[in-house]
Amino acid sequence: MAGTDNPEAARRFLDWAISDEAMSMYANYFGVLAMPGFPIPEGIPEDIADRLFPMDFAVSSGNREAWMETWLSLFADKMEPTATPAP
């Protein structure tokens, strides 16, 4: 929400985006949701969560700069010319 001209609208949208109502809508199109308890769409394996790469978000965020530097060194030349890499 940082940088928004309308923090109340941004908060309302984000509150809705993580609501059961929104999650039910997402479940119609995506096999993996941020919240458990919603039906898995047809064609998605029941054990989808076990197949995903285990993510440690604390480690990821703590090493963001180093990982961005590595990613850019590997892929920056494949980016669109007008793209600006994140700092």
PDB file of N, CA and C in Angstrom:
ATOM      1  N   MET A   1       0.820  -1.185   0.000  1.00  0.00           N
ATOM      2  CA  MET A   1       0.000   0.000   0.000  1.00  0.00           C
ATOM      3  C   MET A   1       0.870   1.258   0.000  1.00  0.00           C
ATOM      4  N   ALA A   2       2.163   1.085   0.185  1.00  0.00           N
ATOM      5  CA  ALA A   2       3.049   2.243   0.201  1.00  0.00           C
ATOM      6  C   ALA A   2       2.972   2.970  -1.132  1.00  0.00           C
ATOM      7  N   GLY A   3       2.860   4.265  -1.065  1.00  0.00           N
ATOM      8  CA  GLY A   3       2.858   5.081  -2.270  1.00  0.00           C
ATOM      9  C   GLY A   3       1.491   5.321  -2.877  1.00  0.00           C
ATOM     10  N   THR A   4       0.457   4.718  -2.345  1.00  0.00           N
ATOM     11  CA  THR A   4      -0.872   4.921  -2.922  1.00  0.00           C
ATOM     12  C   THR A   4      -1.435   6.281  -2.531  1.00  0.00           C
ATOM     13  N   ASP A   5      -2.238   6.833  -3.407  1.00  0.00           N
ATOM     14  CA  ASP A   5      -2.927   8.091  -3.101  1.00  0.00           C
ATOM     15  C   ASP A   5      -4.203   7.842  -2.313  1.00  0.00           C
ATOM     16  N   ASN A   6      -4.610   6.582  -2.232  1.00  0.00           N
ATOM     17  CA  ASN A   6      -5.863   6.262  -1.557  1.00  0.00           C
ATOM     18  C   ASN A   6      -5.660   5.024  -0.683  1.00  0.00           C
ATOM     19  N   PRO A   7      -5.029   5.177   0.483  1.00  0.00           N
ATOM     20  CA  PRO A   7      -4.731   4.015   1.325  1.00  0.00           C
ATOM     21  C   PRO A   7      -5.978   3.269   1.796  1.00  0.00           C
ATOM     22  N   GLU A   8      -7.077   3.984   2.020  1.00  0.00           N
ATOM     23  CA  GLU A   8      -8.296   3.301   2.465  1.00  0.00           C
ATOM     24  C   GLU A   8      -8.821   2.371   1.377  1.00  0.00           C
ATOM     25  N   ALA A   9      -8.827   2.816   0.129  1.00  0.00           N
ATOM     26  CA  ALA A   9      -9.276   1.963  -0.976  1.00  0.00           C
ATOM     27  C   ALA A   9      -8.321   0.779  -1.159  1.00  0.00           C
ATOM     28  N   ALA A  10      -7.036   1.024  -1.023  1.00  0.00           N
ATOM     29  CA  ALA A  10      -6.055  -0.052  -1.151  1.00  0.00           C
ATOM     30  C   ALA A  10      -6.271  -1.097  -0.059  1.00  0.00           C
ATOM     31  N   ARG A  11      -6.498  -0.660   1.164  1.00  0.00           N
ATOM     32  CA  ARG A  11      -6.740  -1.578   2.273  1.00  0.00           C
ATOM     33  C   ARG A  11      -8.027  -2.375   2.036  1.00  0.00           C
ATOM     34  N   ARG A  12      -9.072  -1.715   1.578  1.00  0.00           N
ATOM     35  CA  ARG A  12     -10.330  -2.408   1.310  1.00  0.00           C
ATOM     36  C   ARG A  12     -10.144  -3.477   0.232  1.00  0.00           C
ATOM     37  N   PHE A  13      -9.390  -3.125  -0.824  1.00  0.00           N
ATOM     38  CA  PHE A  13      -9.147  -4.103  -1.888  1.00  0.00           C
ATOM     39  C   PHE A  13      -8.361  -5.293  -1.355  1.00  0.00           C
ATOM     40  N   LEU A  14      -7.291  -5.035  -0.605  1.00  0.00           N
ATOM     41  CA  LEU A  14      -6.481  -6.131  -0.088  1.00  0.00           C
ATOM     42  C   LEU A  14      -7.268  -6.994   0.896  1.00  0.00           C
ATOM     43  N   ASP A  15      -8.091  -6.371   1.717  1.00  0.00           N
ATOM     44  CA  ASP A  15      -8.940  -7.142   2.625  1.00  0.00           C
ATOM     45  C   ASP A  15      -9.887  -8.042   1.829  1.00  0.00           C
ATOM     46  N   TRP A  16     -10.448  -7.522   0.746  1.00  0.00           N
ATOM     47  CA  TRP A  16     -11.319  -8.344  -0.098  1.00  0.00           C
ATOM     48  C   TRP A  16     -10.509  -9.450  -0.781  1.00  0.00           C
ATOM     49  N   ALA A  17      -9.323  -9.128  -1.277  1.00  0.00           N
ATOM     50  CA  ALA A  17      -8.518 -10.076  -2.048  1.00  0.00           C
ATOM     51  C   ALA A  17      -8.157 -11.324  -1.246  1.00  0.00           C
ATOM     52  N   ILE A  18      -8.139 -11.230   0.080  1.00  0.00           N
ATOM     53  CA  ILE A  18      -7.832 -12.397   0.904  1.00  0.00           C
ATOM     54  C   ILE A  18      -9.076 -12.944   1.606  1.00  0.00           C
ATOM     55  N   SER A  19     -10.238 -12.472   1.217  1.00  0.00           N
ATOM     56  CA  SER A  19     -11.487 -12.923   1.839  1.00  0.00           C
ATOM     57  C   SER A  19     -11.898 -14.293   1.298  1.00  0.00           C
ATOM     58  N   ASP A  20     -12.781 -14.963   2.028  1.00  0.00           N
ATOM     59  CA  ASP A  20     -13.323 -16.242   1.550  1.00  0.00           C
ATOM     60  C   ASP A  20     -14.039 -16.067   0.213  1.00  0.00           C
ATOM     61  N   GLU A  21     -14.725 -14.935   0.045  1.00  0.00           N
ATOM     62  CA  GLU A  21     -15.425 -14.672  -1.214  1.00  0.00           C
ATOM     63  C   GLU A  21     -14.438 -14.667  -2.378  1.00  0.00           C
ATOM     64  N   ALA A  22     -13.347 -13.923  -2.231  1.00  0.00           N
ATOM     65  CA  ALA A  22     -12.352 -13.848  -3.301  1.00  0.00           C
ATOM     66  C   ALA A  22     -11.670 -15.193  -3.499  1.00  0.00           C
ATOM     67  N   MET A  23     -11.331 -15.871  -2.399  1.00  0.00           N
ATOM     68  CA  MET A  23     -10.675 -17.175  -2.514  1.00  0.00           C
ATOM     69  C   MET A  23     -11.568 -18.174  -3.242  1.00  0.00           C
ATOM     70  N   SER A  24     -12.865 -18.115  -3.006  1.00  0.00           N
ATOM     71  CA  SER A  24     -13.791 -19.003  -3.727  1.00  0.00           C
ATOM     72  C   SER A  24     -13.765 -18.713  -5.223  1.00  0.00           C
ATOM     73  N   MET A  25     -13.665 -17.452  -5.584  1.00  0.00           N
ATOM     74  CA  MET A  25     -13.570 -17.089  -6.999  1.00  0.00           C
ATOM     75  C   MET A  25     -12.246 -17.566  -7.584  1.00  0.00           C
ATOM     76  N   TYR A  26     -11.144 -17.352  -6.852  1.00  0.00           N
ATOM     77  CA  TYR A  26      -9.831 -17.795  -7.327  1.00  0.00           C
ATOM     78  C   TYR A  26      -9.822 -19.308  -7.538  1.00  0.00           C
ATOM     79  N   ALA A  27     -10.483 -20.042  -6.631  1.00  0.00           N
ATOM     80  CA  ALA A  27     -10.473 -21.502  -6.691  1.00  0.00           C
ATOM     81  C   ALA A  27     -11.070 -22.032  -7.989  1.00  0.00           C
ATOM     82  N   ASN A  28     -11.871 -21.230  -8.667  1.00  0.00           N
ATOM     83  CA  ASN A  28     -12.423 -21.653  -9.950  1.00  0.00           C
ATOM     84  C   ASN A  28     -11.374 -21.671 -11.054  1.00  0.00           C
ATOM     85  N   TYR A  29     -10.269 -20.980 -10.837  1.00  0.00           N
ATOM     86  CA  TYR A  29      -9.286 -20.821 -11.907  1.00  0.00           C
ATOM     87  C   TYR A  29      -7.875 -21.252 -11.541  1.00  0.00           C
ATOM     88  N   PHE A  30      -7.565 -21.321 -10.257  1.00  0.00           N
ATOM     89  CA  PHE A  30      -6.201 -21.629  -9.829  1.00  0.00           C
ATOM     90  C   PHE A  30      -6.212 -22.828  -8.894  1.00  0.00           C
ATOM     91  N   GLY A  31      -5.249 -23.715  -9.059  1.00  0.00           N
ATOM     92  CA  GLY A  31      -5.183 -24.905  -8.236  1.00  0.00           C
ATOM     93  C   GLY A  31      -4.528 -24.683  -6.896  1.00  0.00           C
ATOM     94  N   VAL A  32      -3.795 -23.600  -6.749  1.00  0.00           N
ATOM     95  CA  VAL A  32      -3.076 -23.340  -5.511  1.00  0.00           C
ATOM     96  C   VAL A  32      -3.518 -21.981  -4.994  1.00  0.00           C
ATOM     97  N   LEU A  33      -4.043 -21.979  -3.783  1.00  0.00           N
ATOM     98  CA  LEU A  33      -4.498 -20.733  -3.163  1.00  0.00           C
ATOM     99  C   LEU A  33      -3.678 -20.449  -1.919  1.00  0.00           C
ATOM    100  N   ALA A  34      -3.760 -19.231  -1.464  1.00  0.00           N
ATOM    101  CA  ALA A  34      -3.028 -18.829  -0.269  1.00  0.00           C
ATOM    102  C   ALA A  34      -3.663 -19.367   1.002  1.00  0.00           C
ATOM    103  N   MET A  35      -4.860 -19.907   0.893  1.00  0.00           N
ATOM    104  CA  MET A  35      -5.567 -20.428   2.059  1.00  0.00           C
ATOM    105  C   MET A  35      -6.044 -21.850   1.772  1.00  0.00           C
ATOM    106  N   PRO A  36      -5.914 -22.748   2.746  1.00  0.00           N
ATOM    107  CA  PRO A  36      -6.426 -24.108   2.556  1.00  0.00           C
ATOM    108  C   PRO A  36      -7.942 -24.149   2.716  1.00  0.00           C
ATOM    109  N   GLY A  37      -8.521 -25.268   2.323  1.00  0.00           N
ATOM    110  CA  GLY A  37      -9.934 -25.484   2.565  1.00  0.00           C
ATOM    111  C   GLY A  37     -10.838 -25.249   1.369  1.00  0.00           C
ATOM    112  N   PHE A  38     -10.277 -24.934   0.216  1.00  0.00           N
ATOM    113  CA  PHE A  38     -11.087 -24.715  -0.980  1.00  0.00           C
ATOM    114  C   PHE A  38     -10.888 -25.882  -1.929  1.00  0.00           C
ATOM    115  N   PRO A  39     -11.906 -26.232  -2.705  1.00  0.00           N
ATOM    116  CA  PRO A  39     -11.778 -27.391  -3.601  1.00  0.00           C
ATOM    117  C   PRO A  39     -10.682 -27.173  -4.643  1.00  0.00           C
ATOM    118  N   ILE A  40     -10.011 -28.265  -4.963  1.00  0.00           N
ATOM    119  CA  ILE A  40      -8.965 -28.225  -5.989  1.00  0.00           C
ATOM    120  C   ILE A  40      -9.635 -28.422  -7.345  1.00  0.00           C
ATOM    121  N   PRO A  41      -9.354 -27.547  -8.315  1.00  0.00           N
ATOM    122  CA  PRO A  41      -9.994 -27.676  -9.635  1.00  0.00           C
ATOM    123  C   PRO A  41      -9.670 -29.011 -10.307  1.00  0.00           C
ATOM    124  N   GLU A  42     -10.547 -29.425 -11.175  1.00  0.00           N
ATOM    125  CA  GLU A  42     -10.356 -30.657 -11.939  1.00  0.00           C
ATOM    126  C   GLU A  42      -9.037 -30.591 -12.707  1.00  0.00           C
ATOM    127  N   GLY A  43      -8.309 -31.697 -12.688  1.00  0.00           N
ATOM    128  CA  GLY A  43      -7.055 -31.779 -13.416  1.00  0.00           C
ATOM    129  C   GLY A  43      -5.831 -31.428 -12.582  1.00  0.00           C
ATOM    130  N   ILE A  44      -6.043 -30.893 -11.396  1.00  0.00           N
ATOM    131  CA  ILE A  44      -4.920 -30.557 -10.511  1.00  0.00           C
ATOM    132  C   ILE A  44      -4.738 -31.726  -9.542  1.00  0.00           C
ATOM    133  N   PRO A  45      -3.512 -32.253  -9.406  1.00  0.00           N
ATOM    134  CA  PRO A  45      -3.299 -33.381  -8.497  1.00  0.00           C
ATOM    135  C   PRO A  45      -3.675 -33.026  -7.053  1.00  0.00           C
ATOM    136  N   GLU A  46      -4.254 -33.997  -6.350  1.00  0.00           N
ATOM    137  CA  GLU A  46      -4.660 -33.771  -4.958  1.00  0.00           C
ATOM    138  C   GLU A  46      -3.472 -33.414  -4.072  1.00  0.00           C
ATOM    139  N   ASP A  47      -2.287 -33.918  -4.408  1.00  0.00           N
ATOM    140  CA  ASP A  47      -1.109 -33.667  -3.579  1.00  0.00           C
ATOM    141  C   ASP A  47      -0.274 -32.495  -4.105  1.00  0.00           C
ATOM    142  N   ILE A  48      -0.934 -31.520  -4.722  1.00  0.00           N
ATOM    143  CA  ILE A  48      -0.219 -30.400  -5.343  1.00  0.00           C
ATOM    144  C   ILE A  48       0.694 -29.678  -4.347  1.00  0.00           C
ATOM    145  N   ALA A  49       0.253 -29.512  -3.118  1.00  0.00           N
ATOM    146  CA  ALA A  49       1.073 -28.802  -2.124  1.00  0.00           C
ATOM    147  C   ALA A  49       2.372 -29.554  -1.850  1.00  0.00           C
ATOM    148  N   ASP A  50       2.330 -30.886  -1.892  1.00  0.00           N
ATOM    149  CA  ASP A  50       3.529 -31.678  -1.657  1.00  0.00           C
ATOM    150  C   ASP A  50       4.506 -31.609  -2.830  1.00  0.00           C
ATOM    151  N   ARG A  51       4.016 -31.241  -3.999  1.00  0.00           N
ATOM    152  CA  ARG A  51       4.856 -31.186  -5.194  1.00  0.00           C
ATOM    153  C   ARG A  51       5.550 -29.830  -5.385  1.00  0.00           C
ATOM    154  N   LEU A  52       5.106 -28.832  -4.655  1.00  0.00           N
ATOM    155  CA  LEU A  52       5.673 -27.499  -4.812  1.00  0.00           C
ATOM    156  C   LEU A  52       7.032 -27.398  -4.122  1.00  0.00           C
ATOM    157  N   PHE A  53       7.858 -26.532  -4.634  1.00  0.00           N
ATOM    158  CA  PHE A  53       9.160 -26.287  -4.025  1.00  0.00           C
ATOM    159  C   PHE A  53       8.945 -25.666  -2.655  1.00  0.00           C
ATOM    160  N   PRO A  54       9.597 -26.199  -1.623  1.00  0.00           N
ATOM    161  CA  PRO A  54       9.402 -25.612  -0.288  1.00  0.00           C
ATOM    162  C   PRO A  54      10.036 -24.218  -0.212  1.00  0.00           C
ATOM    163  N   MET A  55       9.238 -23.244   0.146  1.00  0.00           N
ATOM    164  CA  MET A  55       9.708 -21.864   0.204  1.00  0.00           C
ATOM    165  C   MET A  55       9.868 -21.417   1.651  1.00  0.00           C
ATOM    166  N   ASP A  56      10.985 -20.809   1.948  1.00  0.00           N
ATOM    167  CA  ASP A  56      11.194 -20.175   3.249  1.00  0.00           C
ATOM    168  C   ASP A  56      11.199 -18.681   2.974  1.00  0.00           C
ATOM    169  N   PHE A  57      10.060 -18.038   3.184  1.00  0.00           N
ATOM    170  CA  PHE A  57       9.913 -16.643   2.807  1.00  0.00           C
ATOM    171  C   PHE A  57      10.805 -15.718   3.626  1.00  0.00           C
ATOM    172  N   ALA A  58      11.112 -16.068   4.858  1.00  0.00           N
ATOM    173  CA  ALA A  58      12.020 -15.252   5.671  1.00  0.00           C
ATOM    174  C   ALA A  58      13.416 -15.268   5.061  1.00  0.00           C
ATOM    175  N   VAL A  59      13.876 -16.451   4.647  1.00  0.00           N
ATOM    176  CA  VAL A  59      15.194 -16.552   4.008  1.00  0.00           C
ATOM    177  C   VAL A  59      15.186 -15.810   2.675  1.00  0.00           C
ATOM    178  N   SER A  60      14.113 -15.991   1.901  1.00  0.00           N
ATOM    179  CA  SER A  60      14.019 -15.323   0.602  1.00  0.00           C
ATOM    180  C   SER A  60      14.096 -13.810   0.747  1.00  0.00           C
ATOM    181  N   SER A  61      13.330 -13.262   1.658  1.00  0.00           N
ATOM    182  CA  SER A  61      13.329 -11.805   1.810  1.00  0.00           C
ATOM    183  C   SER A  61      14.641 -11.307   2.396  1.00  0.00           C
ATOM    184  N   GLY A  62      15.258 -12.096   3.254  1.00  0.00           N
ATOM    185  CA  GLY A  62      16.527 -11.684   3.843  1.00  0.00           C
ATOM    186  C   GLY A  62      17.684 -11.694   2.864  1.00  0.00           C
ATOM    187  N   ASN A  63      17.546 -12.454   1.777  1.00  0.00           N
ATOM    188  CA  ASN A  63      18.611 -12.553   0.775  1.00  0.00           C
ATOM    189  C   ASN A  63      18.212 -11.924  -0.554  1.00  0.00           C
ATOM    190  N   ARG A  64      17.221 -11.067  -0.528  1.00  0.00           N
ATOM    191  CA  ARG A  64      16.669 -10.506  -1.765  1.00  0.00           C
ATOM    192  C   ARG A  64      17.737  -9.857  -2.644  1.00  0.00           C
ATOM    193  N   GLU A  65      18.555  -9.010  -2.060  1.00  0.00           N
ATOM    194  CA  GLU A  65      19.547  -8.276  -2.866  1.00  0.00           C
ATOM    195  C   GLU A  65      20.504  -9.230  -3.580  1.00  0.00           C
ATOM    196  N   ALA A  66      21.013 -10.219  -2.878  1.00  0.00           N
ATOM    197  CA  ALA A  66      21.949 -11.170  -3.485  1.00  0.00           C
ATOM    198  C   ALA A  66      21.255 -11.982  -4.571  1.00  0.00           C
ATOM    199  N   TRP A  67      20.007 -12.398  -4.317  1.00  0.00           N
ATOM    200  CA  TRP A  67      19.287 -13.189  -5.303  1.00  0.00           C
ATOM    201  C   TRP A  67      18.939 -12.357  -6.529  1.00  0.00           C
ATOM    202  N   MET A  68      18.585 -11.099  -6.337  1.00  0.00           N
ATOM    203  CA  MET A  68      18.301 -10.223  -7.481  1.00  0.00           C
ATOM    204  C   MET A  68      19.557 -10.015  -8.318  1.00  0.00           C
ATOM    205  N   GLU A  69      20.685  -9.828  -7.648  1.00  0.00           N
ATOM    206  CA  GLU A  69      21.951  -9.636  -8.364  1.00  0.00           C
ATOM    207  C   GLU A  69      22.273 -10.874  -9.208  1.00  0.00           C
ATOM    208  N   THR A  70      22.102 -12.053  -8.625  1.00  0.00           N
ATOM    209  CA  THR A  70      22.351 -13.299  -9.359  1.00  0.00           C
ATOM    210  C   THR A  70      21.388 -13.437 -10.530  1.00  0.00           C
ATOM    211  N   TRP A  71      20.102 -13.195 -10.269  1.00  0.00           N
ATOM    212  CA  TRP A  71      19.091 -13.321 -11.321  1.00  0.00           C
ATOM    213  C   TRP A  71      19.410 -12.368 -12.477  1.00  0.00           C
ATOM    214  N   LEU A  72      19.720 -11.127 -12.151  1.00  0.00           N
ATOM    215  CA  LEU A  72      20.021 -10.153 -13.198  1.00  0.00           C
ATOM    216  C   LEU A  72      21.279 -10.535 -13.972  1.00  0.00           C
ATOM    217  N   SER A  73      22.283 -11.086 -13.283  1.00  0.00           N
ATOM    218  CA  SER A  73      23.501 -11.486 -13.994  1.00  0.00           C
ATOM    219  C   SER A  73      23.215 -12.622 -14.971  1.00  0.00           C
ATOM    220  N   LEU A  74      22.238 -13.450 -14.656  1.00  0.00           N
ATOM    221  CA  LEU A  74      21.898 -14.578 -15.530  1.00  0.00           C
ATOM    222  C   LEU A  74      20.910 -14.223 -16.636  1.00  0.00           C
ATOM    223  N   PHE A  75      19.969 -13.295 -16.334  1.00  0.00           N
ATOM    224  CA  PHE A  75      18.852 -13.103 -17.249  1.00  0.00           C
ATOM    225  C   PHE A  75      18.634 -11.677 -17.752  1.00  0.00           C
ATOM    226  N   ALA A  76      19.393 -10.712 -17.295  1.00  0.00           N
ATOM    227  CA  ALA A  76      19.159  -9.321 -17.692  1.00  0.00           C
ATOM    228  C   ALA A  76      19.232  -9.141 -19.202  1.00  0.00           C
ATOM    229  N   ASP A  77      20.108  -9.877 -19.861  1.00  0.00           N
ATOM    230  CA  ASP A  77      20.241  -9.718 -21.308  1.00  0.00           C
ATOM    231  C   ASP A  77      19.051 -10.311 -22.070  1.00  0.00           C
ATOM    232  N   LYS A  78      18.197 -11.041 -21.383  1.00  0.00           N
ATOM    233  CA  LYS A  78      17.018 -11.618 -22.020  1.00  0.00           C
ATOM    234  C   LYS A  78      15.760 -10.785 -21.767  1.00  0.00           C
ATOM    235  N   MET A  79      15.900  -9.709 -21.008  1.00  0.00           N
ATOM    236  CA  MET A  79      14.763  -8.856 -20.667  1.00  0.00           C
ATOM    237  C   MET A  79      14.454  -7.902 -21.810  1.00  0.00           C
ATOM    238  N   GLU A  80      13.220  -7.444 -21.830  1.00  0.00           N
ATOM    239  CA  GLU A  80      12.822  -6.445 -22.816  1.00  0.00           C
ATOM    240  C   GLU A  80      13.687  -5.198 -22.635  1.00  0.00           C
ATOM    241  N   PRO A  81      14.077  -4.540 -23.726  1.00  0.00           N
ATOM    242  CA  PRO A  81      14.940  -3.354 -23.614  1.00  0.00           C
ATOM    243  C   PRO A  81      14.358  -2.242 -22.747  1.00  0.00           C
ATOM    244  N   THR A  82      13.038  -2.139 -22.678  1.00  0.00           N
ATOM    245  CA  THR A  82      12.425  -1.038 -21.909  1.00  0.00           C
ATOM    246  C   THR A  82      12.228  -1.417 -20.439  1.00  0.00           C
ATOM    247  N   ALA A  83      12.451  -2.693 -20.089  1.00  0.00           N
ATOM    248  CA  ALA A  83      12.240  -3.121 -18.703  1.00  0.00           C
ATOM    249  C   ALA A  83      13.301  -2.531 -17.809  1.00  0.00           C
ATOM    250  N   THR A  84      12.887  -2.120 -16.631  1.00  0.00           N
ATOM    251  CA  THR A  84      13.806  -1.597 -15.637  1.00  0.00           C
ATOM    252  C   THR A  84      13.866  -2.585 -14.481  1.00  0.00           C
ATOM    253  N   PRO A  85      15.034  -3.172 -14.220  1.00  0.00           N
ATOM    254  CA  PRO A  85      15.126  -4.134 -13.127  1.00  0.00           C
ATOM    255  C   PRO A  85      14.856  -3.471 -11.772  1.00  0.00           C
ATOM    256  N   ALA A  86      14.269  -4.240 -10.887  1.00  0.00           N
ATOM    257  CA  ALA A  86      14.006  -3.743  -9.527  1.00  0.00           C
ATOM    258  C   ALA A  86      15.334  -3.567  -8.801  1.00  0.00           C
ATOM    259  N   PRO A  87      15.406  -2.586  -7.928  1.00  0.00           N
ATOM    260  CA  PRO A  87      16.670  -2.366  -7.198  1.00  0.00           C
ATOM    261  C   PRO A  87      16.969  -3.505  -6.244  1.00  0.00           C
TER     262      PRO A  87
END
